[in-house]
Amino acid sequence: MNLERVTLEDLDGDQRELAELIGMEAYRALATHHGGTYVYVQAPNSLLRKDRNEQIRRKFDGKNYKELALEYQISESTVRLIVEDDARRMRYGPISGQINLFDKKMF
């Protein structure tokens, strides 16, 4: 069956809702590339987390945990994790001789 012939009226439930949201052309492309599999779509806050964390690191002055927590509506402990993780990576870097799982030369 040619997917071009599939219309919105051919779809039910979640599939119809998805097609209405993204359009039939995009739905057909999704079905072609990922049909029969499960596709995870990240939540908006998860998509924006990297940018938020970079902003927090830039604005961090060494003591403004509370102000940043209020500004970004997160806990002070989350602000600490964000800025301390960055500082730890800068201070220590990779462990000498540590294997990088993503190094293509290894395999």
PDB file of N, CA and C in Angstrom:
ATOM      1  N   MET A   1       0.843  -1.204   0.000  1.00  0.00           N
ATOM      2  CA  MET A   1       0.000   0.000   0.000  1.00  0.00           C
ATOM      3  C   MET A   1       0.878   1.254   0.000  1.00  0.00           C
ATOM      4  N   ASN A   2       0.551   2.190  -0.820  1.00  0.00           N
ATOM      5  CA  ASN A   2       1.248   3.453  -0.925  1.00  0.00           C
ATOM      6  C   ASN A   2       0.806   4.358   0.228  1.00  0.00           C
ATOM      7  N   LEU A   3       1.763   4.818   1.061  1.00  0.00           N
ATOM      8  CA  LEU A   3       1.430   5.654   2.209  1.00  0.00           C
ATOM      9  C   LEU A   3       0.784   6.981   1.816  1.00  0.00           C
ATOM     10  N   GLU A   4       1.022   7.436   0.612  1.00  0.00           N
ATOM     11  CA  GLU A   4       0.412   8.691   0.164  1.00  0.00           C
ATOM     12  C   GLU A   4      -1.112   8.598   0.159  1.00  0.00           C
ATOM     13  N   ARG A   5      -1.622   7.385   0.067  1.00  0.00           N
ATOM     14  CA  ARG A   5      -3.081   7.196   0.040  1.00  0.00           C
ATOM     15  C   ARG A   5      -3.698   7.181   1.436  1.00  0.00           C
ATOM     16  N   VAL A   6      -2.858   7.064   2.483  1.00  0.00           N
ATOM     17  CA  VAL A   6      -3.362   7.067   3.863  1.00  0.00           C
ATOM     18  C   VAL A   6      -3.759   8.489   4.236  1.00  0.00           C
ATOM     19  N   THR A   7      -4.983   8.638   4.732  1.00  0.00           N
ATOM     20  CA  THR A   7      -5.481   9.957   5.133  1.00  0.00           C
ATOM     21  C   THR A   7      -5.744   9.967   6.631  1.00  0.00           C
ATOM     22  N   LEU A   8      -6.026  11.135   7.143  1.00  0.00           N
ATOM     23  CA  LEU A   8      -6.344  11.306   8.555  1.00  0.00           C
ATOM     24  C   LEU A   8      -7.529  10.424   8.955  1.00  0.00           C
ATOM     25  N   GLU A   9      -8.484  10.277   8.083  1.00  0.00           N
ATOM     26  CA  GLU A   9      -9.677   9.480   8.365  1.00  0.00           C
ATOM     27  C   GLU A   9      -9.356   7.994   8.520  1.00  0.00           C
ATOM     28  N   ASP A  10      -8.211   7.552   8.002  1.00  0.00           N
ATOM     29  CA  ASP A  10      -7.798   6.152   8.131  1.00  0.00           C
ATOM     30  C   ASP A  10      -7.197   5.841   9.504  1.00  0.00           C
ATOM     31  N   LEU A  11      -6.901   6.874  10.271  1.00  0.00           N
ATOM     32  CA  LEU A  11      -6.209   6.703  11.546  1.00  0.00           C
ATOM     33  C   LEU A  11      -7.170   6.812  12.723  1.00  0.00           C
ATOM     34  N   ASP A  12      -6.826   6.126  13.809  1.00  0.00           N
ATOM     35  CA  ASP A  12      -7.639   6.150  15.027  1.00  0.00           C
ATOM     36  C   ASP A  12      -6.780   6.534  16.231  1.00  0.00           C
ATOM     37  N   GLY A  13      -7.425   6.988  17.271  1.00  0.00           N
ATOM     38  CA  GLY A  13      -6.798   7.199  18.572  1.00  0.00           C
ATOM     39  C   GLY A  13      -5.547   8.042  18.551  1.00  0.00           C
ATOM     40  N   ASP A  14      -4.502   7.510  19.226  1.00  0.00           N
ATOM     41  CA  ASP A  14      -3.243   8.236  19.353  1.00  0.00           C
ATOM     42  C   ASP A  14      -2.599   8.528  18.004  1.00  0.00           C
ATOM     43  N   GLN A  15      -2.752   7.595  17.062  1.00  0.00           N
ATOM     44  CA  GLN A  15      -2.151   7.793  15.739  1.00  0.00           C
ATOM     45  C   GLN A  15      -2.790   8.981  15.026  1.00  0.00           C
ATOM     46  N   ARG A  16      -4.084   9.103  15.165  1.00  0.00           N
ATOM     47  CA  ARG A  16      -4.784  10.234  14.544  1.00  0.00           C
ATOM     48  C   ARG A  16      -4.381  11.537  15.235  1.00  0.00           C
ATOM     49  N   GLU A  17      -4.304  11.497  16.558  1.00  0.00           N
ATOM     50  CA  GLU A  17      -3.915  12.690  17.308  1.00  0.00           C
ATOM     51  C   GLU A  17      -2.507  13.145  16.912  1.00  0.00           C
ATOM     52  N   LEU A  18      -1.602  12.192  16.763  1.00  0.00           N
ATOM     53  CA  LEU A  18      -0.238  12.506  16.345  1.00  0.00           C
ATOM     54  C   LEU A  18      -0.225  13.121  14.949  1.00  0.00           C
ATOM     55  N   ALA A  19      -0.952  12.532  14.032  1.00  0.00           N
ATOM     56  CA  ALA A  19      -1.004  13.049  12.657  1.00  0.00           C
ATOM     57  C   ALA A  19      -1.611  14.449  12.618  1.00  0.00           C
ATOM     58  N   GLU A  20      -2.628  14.693  13.443  1.00  0.00           N
ATOM     59  CA  GLU A  20      -3.217  16.033  13.501  1.00  0.00           C
ATOM     60  C   GLU A  20      -2.212  17.048  14.034  1.00  0.00           C
ATOM     61  N   LEU A  21      -1.392  16.614  14.976  1.00  0.00           N
ATOM     62  CA  LEU A  21      -0.423  17.508  15.596  1.00  0.00           C
ATOM     63  C   LEU A  21       0.729  17.850  14.658  1.00  0.00           C
ATOM     64  N   ILE A  22       1.283  16.861  13.973  1.00  0.00           N
ATOM     65  CA  ILE A  22       2.477  17.102  13.151  1.00  0.00           C
ATOM     66  C   ILE A  22       2.187  17.188  11.659  1.00  0.00           C
ATOM     67  N   GLY A  23       0.983  16.824  11.249  1.00  0.00           N
ATOM     68  CA  GLY A  23       0.620  16.849   9.834  1.00  0.00           C
ATOM     69  C   GLY A  23       0.839  15.493   9.183  1.00  0.00           C
ATOM     70  N   MET A  24       0.077  15.222   8.147  1.00  0.00           N
ATOM     71  CA  MET A  24       0.120  13.912   7.502  1.00  0.00           C
ATOM     72  C   MET A  24       1.460  13.626   6.826  1.00  0.00           C
ATOM     73  N   GLU A  25       2.080  14.629   6.229  1.00  0.00           N
ATOM     74  CA  GLU A  25       3.362  14.395   5.568  1.00  0.00           C
ATOM     75  C   GLU A  25       4.413  13.943   6.583  1.00  0.00           C
ATOM     76  N   ALA A  26       4.478  14.640   7.717  1.00  0.00           N
ATOM     77  CA  ALA A  26       5.429  14.266   8.760  1.00  0.00           C
ATOM     78  C   ALA A  26       5.057  12.919   9.377  1.00  0.00           C
ATOM     79  N   TYR A  27       3.761  12.658   9.518  1.00  0.00           N
ATOM     80  CA  TYR A  27       3.315  11.375  10.061  1.00  0.00           C
ATOM     81  C   TYR A  27       3.744  10.227   9.141  1.00  0.00           C
ATOM     82  N   ARG A  28       3.585  10.412   7.850  1.00  0.00           N
ATOM     83  CA  ARG A  28       3.995   9.380   6.888  1.00  0.00           C
ATOM     84  C   ARG A  28       5.507   9.140   6.963  1.00  0.00           C
ATOM     85  N   ALA A  29       6.290  10.212   7.084  1.00  0.00           N
ATOM     86  CA  ALA A  29       7.746  10.075   7.203  1.00  0.00           C
ATOM     87  C   ALA A  29       8.105   9.336   8.487  1.00  0.00           C
ATOM     88  N   LEU A  30       7.416   9.656   9.563  1.00  0.00           N
ATOM     89  CA  LEU A  30       7.646   8.976  10.834  1.00  0.00           C
ATOM     90  C   LEU A  30       7.307   7.493  10.719  1.00  0.00           C
ATOM     91  N   ALA A  31       6.196   7.188  10.081  1.00  0.00           N
ATOM     92  CA  ALA A  31       5.795   5.789   9.887  1.00  0.00           C
ATOM     93  C   ALA A  31       6.807   5.046   9.014  1.00  0.00           C
ATOM     94  N   THR A  32       7.336   5.721   8.005  1.00  0.00           N
ATOM     95  CA  THR A  32       8.314   5.099   7.110  1.00  0.00           C
ATOM     96  C   THR A  32       9.616   4.772   7.849  1.00  0.00           C
ATOM     97  N   HIS A  33      10.077   5.707   8.649  1.00  0.00           N
ATOM     98  CA  HIS A  33      11.375   5.546   9.307  1.00  0.00           C
ATOM     99  C   HIS A  33      11.316   4.818  10.643  1.00  0.00           C
ATOM    100  N   HIS A  34      10.199   4.916  11.359  1.00  0.00           N
ATOM    101  CA  HIS A  34      10.124   4.351  12.706  1.00  0.00           C
ATOM    102  C   HIS A  34       8.893   3.472  12.920  1.00  0.00           C
ATOM    103  N   GLY A  35       8.179   3.154  11.853  1.00  0.00           N
ATOM    104  CA  GLY A  35       6.957   2.355  11.975  1.00  0.00           C
ATOM    105  C   GLY A  35       7.208   1.023  12.665  1.00  0.00           C
ATOM    106  N   GLY A  36       6.374   0.710  13.629  1.00  0.00           N
ATOM    107  CA  GLY A  36       6.481  -0.544  14.354  1.00  0.00           C
ATOM    108  C   GLY A  36       7.418  -0.503  15.543  1.00  0.00           C
ATOM    109  N   THR A  37       8.074   0.633  15.771  1.00  0.00           N
ATOM    110  CA  THR A  37       8.969   0.771  16.915  1.00  0.00           C
ATOM    111  C   THR A  37       8.393   1.790  17.895  1.00  0.00           C
ATOM    112  N   TYR A  38       8.970   1.843  19.061  1.00  0.00           N
ATOM    113  CA  TYR A  38       8.577   2.854  20.039  1.00  0.00           C
ATOM    114  C   TYR A  38       9.527   4.026  19.928  1.00  0.00           C
ATOM    115  N   VAL A  39       8.976   5.230  19.876  1.00  0.00           N
ATOM    116  CA  VAL A  39       9.776   6.444  19.768  1.00  0.00           C
ATOM    117  C   VAL A  39       9.515   7.275  21.010  1.00  0.00           C
ATOM    118  N   TYR A  40      10.586   7.630  21.715  1.00  0.00           N
ATOM    119  CA  TYR A  40      10.483   8.464  22.907  1.00  0.00           C
ATOM    120  C   TYR A  40      10.666   9.914  22.512  1.00  0.00           C
ATOM    121  N   VAL A  41       9.788  10.780  22.982  1.00  0.00           N
ATOM    122  CA  VAL A  41       9.898  12.213  22.732  1.00  0.00           C
ATOM    123  C   VAL A  41      10.179  12.882  24.065  1.00  0.00           C
ATOM    124  N   GLN A  42      11.291  13.600  24.144  1.00  0.00           N
ATOM    125  CA  GLN A  42      11.672  14.243  25.389  1.00  0.00           C
ATOM    126  C   GLN A  42      10.678  15.329  25.788  1.00  0.00           C
ATOM    127  N   ALA A  43      10.531  15.500  27.087  1.00  0.00           N
ATOM    128  CA  ALA A  43       9.693  16.569  27.633  1.00  0.00           C
ATOM    129  C   ALA A  43      10.373  17.913  27.363  1.00  0.00           C
ATOM    130  N   PRO A  44       9.595  18.990  27.225  1.00  0.00           N
ATOM    131  CA  PRO A  44      10.187  20.300  26.930  1.00  0.00           C
ATOM    132  C   PRO A  44      11.273  20.717  27.920  1.00  0.00           C
ATOM    133  N   ASN A  45      11.039  20.500  29.221  1.00  0.00           N
ATOM    134  CA  ASN A  45      12.051  20.926  30.193  1.00  0.00           C
ATOM    135  C   ASN A  45      13.342  20.136  30.039  1.00  0.00           C
ATOM    136  N   SER A  46      13.247  18.901  29.614  1.00  0.00           N
ATOM    137  CA  SER A  46      14.438  18.083  29.378  1.00  0.00           C
ATOM    138  C   SER A  46      15.215  18.598  28.168  1.00  0.00           C
ATOM    139  N   LEU A  47      14.508  19.024  27.135  1.00  0.00           N
ATOM    140  CA  LEU A  47      15.160  19.569  25.937  1.00  0.00           C
ATOM    141  C   LEU A  47      15.900  20.868  26.241  1.00  0.00           C
ATOM    142  N   LEU A  48      15.384  21.620  27.201  1.00  0.00           N
ATOM    143  CA  LEU A  48      15.956  22.931  27.521  1.00  0.00           C
ATOM    144  C   LEU A  48      16.973  22.878  28.653  1.00  0.00           C
ATOM    145  N   ARG A  49      17.149  21.713  29.285  1.00  0.00           N
ATOM    146  CA  ARG A  49      18.007  21.585  30.472  1.00  0.00           C
ATOM    147  C   ARG A  49      19.459  21.981  30.196  1.00  0.00           C
ATOM    148  N   LYS A  50      20.026  21.559  29.087  1.00  0.00           N
ATOM    149  CA  LYS A  50      21.426  21.868  28.792  1.00  0.00           C
ATOM    150  C   LYS A  50      21.642  23.371  28.714  1.00  0.00           C
ATOM    151  N   ASP A  51      20.763  24.067  28.015  1.00  0.00           N
ATOM    152  CA  ASP A  51      20.863  25.524  27.890  1.00  0.00           C
ATOM    153  C   ASP A  51      20.702  26.188  29.259  1.00  0.00           C
ATOM    154  N   ARG A  52      19.732  25.710  30.059  1.00  0.00           N
ATOM    155  CA  ARG A  52      19.507  26.263  31.398  1.00  0.00           C
ATOM    156  C   ARG A  52      20.756  26.103  32.244  1.00  0.00           C
ATOM    157  N   ASN A  53      21.362  24.906  32.218  1.00  0.00           N
ATOM    158  CA  ASN A  53      22.547  24.655  33.028  1.00  0.00           C
ATOM    159  C   ASN A  53      23.721  25.534  32.611  1.00  0.00           C
ATOM    160  N   GLU A  54      23.864  25.772  31.314  1.00  0.00           N
ATOM    161  CA  GLU A  54      24.924  26.658  30.840  1.00  0.00           C
ATOM    162  C   GLU A  54      24.700  28.085  31.325  1.00  0.00           C
ATOM    163  N   GLN A  55      23.455  28.531  31.322  1.00  0.00           N
ATOM    164  CA  GLN A  55      23.143  29.871  31.827  1.00  0.00           C
ATOM    165  C   GLN A  55      23.470  29.979  33.309  1.00  0.00           C
ATOM    166  N   ILE A  56      23.120  28.934  34.065  1.00  0.00           N
ATOM    167  CA  ILE A  56      23.406  28.931  35.504  1.00  0.00           C
ATOM    168  C   ILE A  56      24.905  28.998  35.740  1.00  0.00           C
ATOM    169  N   ARG A  57      25.686  28.222  35.013  1.00  0.00           N
ATOM    170  CA  ARG A  57      27.149  28.236  35.176  1.00  0.00           C
ATOM    171  C   ARG A  57      27.728  29.619  34.868  1.00  0.00           C
ATOM    172  N   ARG A  58      27.201  30.277  33.833  1.00  0.00           N
ATOM    173  CA  ARG A  58      27.691  31.616  33.472  1.00  0.00           C
ATOM    174  C   ARG A  58      27.367  32.640  34.557  1.00  0.00           C
ATOM    175  N   LYS A  59      26.191  32.526  35.149  1.00  0.00           N
ATOM    176  CA  LYS A  59      25.740  33.509  36.140  1.00  0.00           C
ATOM    177  C   LYS A  59      26.273  33.226  37.545  1.00  0.00           C
ATOM    178  N   PHE A  60      26.804  32.038  37.758  1.00  0.00           N
ATOM    179  CA  PHE A  60      27.260  31.665  39.095  1.00  0.00           C
ATOM    180  C   PHE A  60      28.488  32.485  39.481  1.00  0.00           C
ATOM    181  N   ASP A  61      28.426  33.103  40.674  1.00  0.00           N
ATOM    182  CA  ASP A  61      29.539  33.946  41.129  1.00  0.00           C
ATOM    183  C   ASP A  61      30.268  33.354  42.331  1.00  0.00           C
ATOM    184  N   GLY A  62      29.966  32.120  42.656  1.00  0.00           N
ATOM    185  CA  GLY A  62      30.635  31.468  43.774  1.00  0.00           C
ATOM    186  C   GLY A  62      29.799  31.405  45.031  1.00  0.00           C
ATOM    187  N   LYS A  63      28.726  32.197  45.080  1.00  0.00           N
ATOM    188  CA  LYS A  63      27.908  32.203  46.291  1.00  0.00           C
ATOM    189  C   LYS A  63      26.413  32.458  46.057  1.00  0.00           C
ATOM    190  N   ASN A  64      25.991  32.660  44.831  1.00  0.00           N
ATOM    191  CA  ASN A  64      24.593  33.024  44.562  1.00  0.00           C
ATOM    192  C   ASN A  64      23.690  31.816  44.285  1.00  0.00           C
ATOM    193  N   TYR A  65      23.847  30.757  45.064  1.00  0.00           N
ATOM    194  CA  TYR A  65      23.046  29.540  44.900  1.00  0.00           C
ATOM    195  C   TYR A  65      21.542  29.843  45.017  1.00  0.00           C
ATOM    196  N   LYS A  66      21.177  30.569  46.083  1.00  0.00           N
ATOM    197  CA  LYS A  66      19.762  30.827  46.352  1.00  0.00           C
ATOM    198  C   LYS A  66      19.122  31.660  45.246  1.00  0.00           C
ATOM    199  N   GLU A  67      19.814  32.699  44.814  1.00  0.00           N
ATOM    200  CA  GLU A  67      19.272  33.575  43.770  1.00  0.00           C
ATOM    201  C   GLU A  67      19.038  32.802  42.471  1.00  0.00           C
ATOM    202  N   LEU A  68      19.999  31.954  42.100  1.00  0.00           N
ATOM    203  CA  LEU A  68      19.844  31.161  40.878  1.00  0.00           C
ATOM    204  C   LEU A  68      18.730  30.130  41.025  1.00  0.00           C
ATOM    205  N   ALA A  69      18.627  29.539  42.194  1.00  0.00           N
ATOM    206  CA  ALA A  69      17.559  28.572  42.436  1.00  0.00           C
ATOM    207  C   ALA A  69      16.192  29.236  42.267  1.00  0.00           C
ATOM    208  N   LEU A  70      16.033  30.417  42.800  1.00  0.00           N
ATOM    209  CA  LEU A  70      14.759  31.142  42.668  1.00  0.00           C
ATOM    210  C   LEU A  70      14.501  31.554  41.219  1.00  0.00           C
ATOM    211  N   GLU A  71      15.537  32.041  40.556  1.00  0.00           N
ATOM    212  CA  GLU A  71      15.384  32.491  39.167  1.00  0.00           C
ATOM    213  C   GLU A  71      14.966  31.345  38.248  1.00  0.00           C
ATOM    214  N   TYR A  72      15.554  30.167  38.440  1.00  0.00           N
ATOM    215  CA  TYR A  72      15.291  29.043  37.543  1.00  0.00           C
ATOM    216  C   TYR A  72      14.285  28.038  38.114  1.00  0.00           C
ATOM    217  N   GLN A  73      13.728  28.370  39.265  1.00  0.00           N
ATOM    218  CA  GLN A  73      12.702  27.542  39.914  1.00  0.00           C
ATOM    219  C   GLN A  73      13.169  26.098  40.105  1.00  0.00           C
ATOM    220  N   ILE A  74      14.387  25.976  40.652  1.00  0.00           N
ATOM    221  CA  ILE A  74      14.945  24.683  41.006  1.00  0.00           C
ATOM    222  C   ILE A  74      15.486  24.797  42.427  1.00  0.00           C
ATOM    223  N   SER A  75      15.859  23.680  43.013  1.00  0.00           N
ATOM    224  CA  SER A  75      16.378  23.713  44.377  1.00  0.00           C
ATOM    225  C   SER A  75      17.831  24.203  44.396  1.00  0.00           C
ATOM    226  N   GLU A  76      18.233  24.707  45.568  1.00  0.00           N
ATOM    227  CA  GLU A  76      19.629  25.126  45.722  1.00  0.00           C
ATOM    228  C   GLU A  76      20.566  23.945  45.536  1.00  0.00           C
ATOM    229  N   SER A  77      20.131  22.769  45.972  1.00  0.00           N
ATOM    230  CA  SER A  77      21.000  21.599  45.812  1.00  0.00           C
ATOM    231  C   SER A  77      21.188  21.257  44.333  1.00  0.00           C
ATOM    232  N   THR A  78      20.176  21.506  43.504  1.00  0.00           N
ATOM    233  CA  THR A  78      20.328  21.281  42.064  1.00  0.00           C
ATOM    234  C   THR A  78      21.312  22.282  41.477  1.00  0.00           C
ATOM    235  N   VAL A  79      21.245  23.533  41.917  1.00  0.00           N
ATOM    236  CA  VAL A  79      22.217  24.534  41.458  1.00  0.00           C
ATOM    237  C   VAL A  79      23.617  24.084  41.840  1.00  0.00           C
ATOM    238  N   ARG A  80      23.783  23.598  43.073  1.00  0.00           N
ATOM    239  CA  ARG A  80      25.095  23.124  43.534  1.00  0.00           C
ATOM    240  C   ARG A  80      25.599  21.979  42.649  1.00  0.00           C
ATOM    241  N   LEU A  81      24.715  21.033  42.346  1.00  0.00           N
ATOM    242  CA  LEU A  81      25.113  19.917  41.488  1.00  0.00           C
ATOM    243  C   LEU A  81      25.583  20.402  40.123  1.00  0.00           C
ATOM    244  N   ILE A  82      24.861  21.367  39.571  1.00  0.00           N
ATOM    245  CA  ILE A  82      25.195  21.892  38.239  1.00  0.00           C
ATOM    246  C   ILE A  82      26.562  22.561  38.242  1.00  0.00           C
ATOM    247  N   VAL A  83      26.792  23.473  39.185  1.00  0.00           N
ATOM    248  CA  VAL A  83      28.055  24.220  39.176  1.00  0.00           C
ATOM    249  C   VAL A  83      29.212  23.394  39.712  1.00  0.00           C
ATOM    250  N   GLU A  84      28.976  22.509  40.678  1.00  0.00           N
ATOM    251  CA  GLU A  84      30.059  21.698  41.229  1.00  0.00           C
ATOM    252  C   GLU A  84      30.479  20.607  40.258  1.00  0.00           C
ATOM    253  N   ASP A  85      29.542  20.051  39.517  1.00  0.00           N
ATOM    254  CA  ASP A  85      29.888  19.049  38.510  1.00  0.00           C
ATOM    255  C   ASP A  85      30.804  19.668  37.463  1.00  0.00           C
ATOM    256  N   ASP A  86      30.480  20.878  37.048  1.00  0.00           N
ATOM    257  CA  ASP A  86      31.296  21.574  36.064  1.00  0.00           C
ATOM    258  C   ASP A  86      32.692  21.845  36.626  1.00  0.00           C
ATOM    259  N   ALA A  87      32.753  22.304  37.871  1.00  0.00           N
ATOM    260  CA  ALA A  87      34.035  22.602  38.502  1.00  0.00           C
ATOM    261  C   ALA A  87      34.867  21.326  38.670  1.00  0.00           C
ATOM    262  N   ARG A  88      34.233  20.227  39.037  1.00  0.00           N
ATOM    263  CA  ARG A  88      34.923  18.955  39.224  1.00  0.00           C
ATOM    264  C   ARG A  88      35.542  18.487  37.906  1.00  0.00           C
ATOM    265  N   ARG A  89      34.786  18.594  36.827  1.00  0.00           N
ATOM    266  CA  ARG A  89      35.300  18.179  35.526  1.00  0.00           C
ATOM    267  C   ARG A  89      36.484  19.031  35.104  1.00  0.00           C
ATOM    268  N   MET A  90      36.406  20.331  35.366  1.00  0.00           N
ATOM    269  CA  MET A  90      37.496  21.225  34.996  1.00  0.00           C
ATOM    270  C   MET A  90      38.738  20.956  35.851  1.00  0.00           C
ATOM    271  N   ARG A  91      38.533  20.659  37.134  1.00  0.00           N
ATOM    272  CA  ARG A  91      39.644  20.471  38.057  1.00  0.00           C
ATOM    273  C   ARG A  91      40.368  19.155  37.810  1.00  0.00           C
ATOM    274  N   TYR A  92      39.601  18.088  37.645  1.00  0.00           N
ATOM    275  CA  TYR A  92      40.200  16.769  37.570  1.00  0.00           C
ATOM    276  C   TYR A  92      40.340  16.220  36.154  1.00  0.00           C
ATOM    277  N   GLY A  93      39.422  16.552  35.273  1.00  0.00           N
ATOM    278  CA  GLY A  93      39.469  16.017  33.918  1.00  0.00           C
ATOM    279  C   GLY A  93      39.358  14.504  33.933  1.00  0.00           C
ATOM    280  N   PRO A  94      39.657  13.849  32.816  1.00  0.00           N
ATOM    281  CA  PRO A  94      39.567  12.390  32.777  1.00  0.00           C
ATOM    282  C   PRO A  94      40.703  11.770  33.591  1.00  0.00           C
ATOM    283  N   ILE A  95      40.459  10.614  34.140  1.00  0.00           N
ATOM    284  CA  ILE A  95      41.458   9.883  34.904  1.00  0.00           C
ATOM    285  C   ILE A  95      42.495   9.327  33.928  1.00  0.00           C
ATOM    286  N   SER A  96      43.762   9.452  34.282  1.00  0.00           N
ATOM    287  CA  SER A  96      44.840   8.978  33.422  1.00  0.00           C
ATOM    288  C   SER A  96      44.677   7.489  33.128  1.00  0.00           C
ATOM    289  N   GLY A  97      44.711   7.136  31.850  1.00  0.00           N
ATOM    290  CA  GLY A  97      44.575   5.745  31.442  1.00  0.00           C
ATOM    291  C   GLY A  97      43.142   5.255  31.368  1.00  0.00           C
ATOM    292  N   GLN A  98      42.194   6.128  31.669  1.00  0.00           N
ATOM    293  CA  GLN A  98      40.785   5.737  31.637  1.00  0.00           C
ATOM    294  C   GLN A  98      40.351   5.474  30.197  1.00  0.00           C
ATOM    295  N   ILE A  99      39.614   4.400  30.003  1.00  0.00           N
ATOM    296  CA  ILE A  99      39.122   4.027  28.676  1.00  0.00           C
ATOM    297  C   ILE A  99      37.885   4.850  28.360  1.00  0.00           C
ATOM    298  N   ASN A 100      37.832   5.405  27.165  1.00  0.00           N
ATOM    299  CA  ASN A 100      36.673   6.142  26.686  1.00  0.00           C
ATOM    300  C   ASN A 100      35.797   5.167  25.906  1.00  0.00           C
ATOM    301  N   LEU A 101      34.585   4.928  26.385  1.00  0.00           N
ATOM    302  CA  LEU A 101      33.684   3.983  25.723  1.00  0.00           C
ATOM    303  C   LEU A 101      33.299   4.417  24.318  1.00  0.00           C
ATOM    304  N   PHE A 102      33.463   5.700  24.020  1.00  0.00           N
ATOM    305  CA  PHE A 102      33.054   6.205  22.721  1.00  0.00           C
ATOM    306  C   PHE A 102      34.222   6.366  21.759  1.00  0.00           C
ATOM    307  N   ASP A 103      35.410   5.938  22.190  1.00  0.00           N
ATOM    308  CA  ASP A 103      36.593   6.029  21.331  1.00  0.00           C
ATOM    309  C   ASP A 103      36.514   4.919  20.286  1.00  0.00           C
ATOM    310  N   LYS A 104      36.353   5.280  19.038  1.00  0.00           N
ATOM    311  CA  LYS A 104      36.178   4.303  17.961  1.00  0.00           C
ATOM    312  C   LYS A 104      37.431   3.472  17.729  1.00  0.00           C
ATOM    313  N   LYS A 105      38.597   3.972  18.154  1.00  0.00           N
ATOM    314  CA  LYS A 105      39.827   3.236  17.983  1.00  0.00           C
ATOM    315  C   LYS A 105      39.873   1.982  18.851  1.00  0.00           C
ATOM    316  N   MET A 106      39.064   1.942  19.885  1.00  0.00           N
ATOM    317  CA  MET A 106      39.056   0.815  20.810  1.00  0.00           C
ATOM    318  C   MET A 106      38.455  -0.437  20.175  1.00  0.00           C
ATOM    319  N   PHE A 107      37.567  -0.258  19.210  1.00  0.00           N
ATOM    320  CA  PHE A 107      36.826  -1.394  18.682  1.00  0.00           C
ATOM    321  C   PHE A 107      37.186  -1.650  17.274  1.00  0.00           C
TER     322      PHE A 107
END
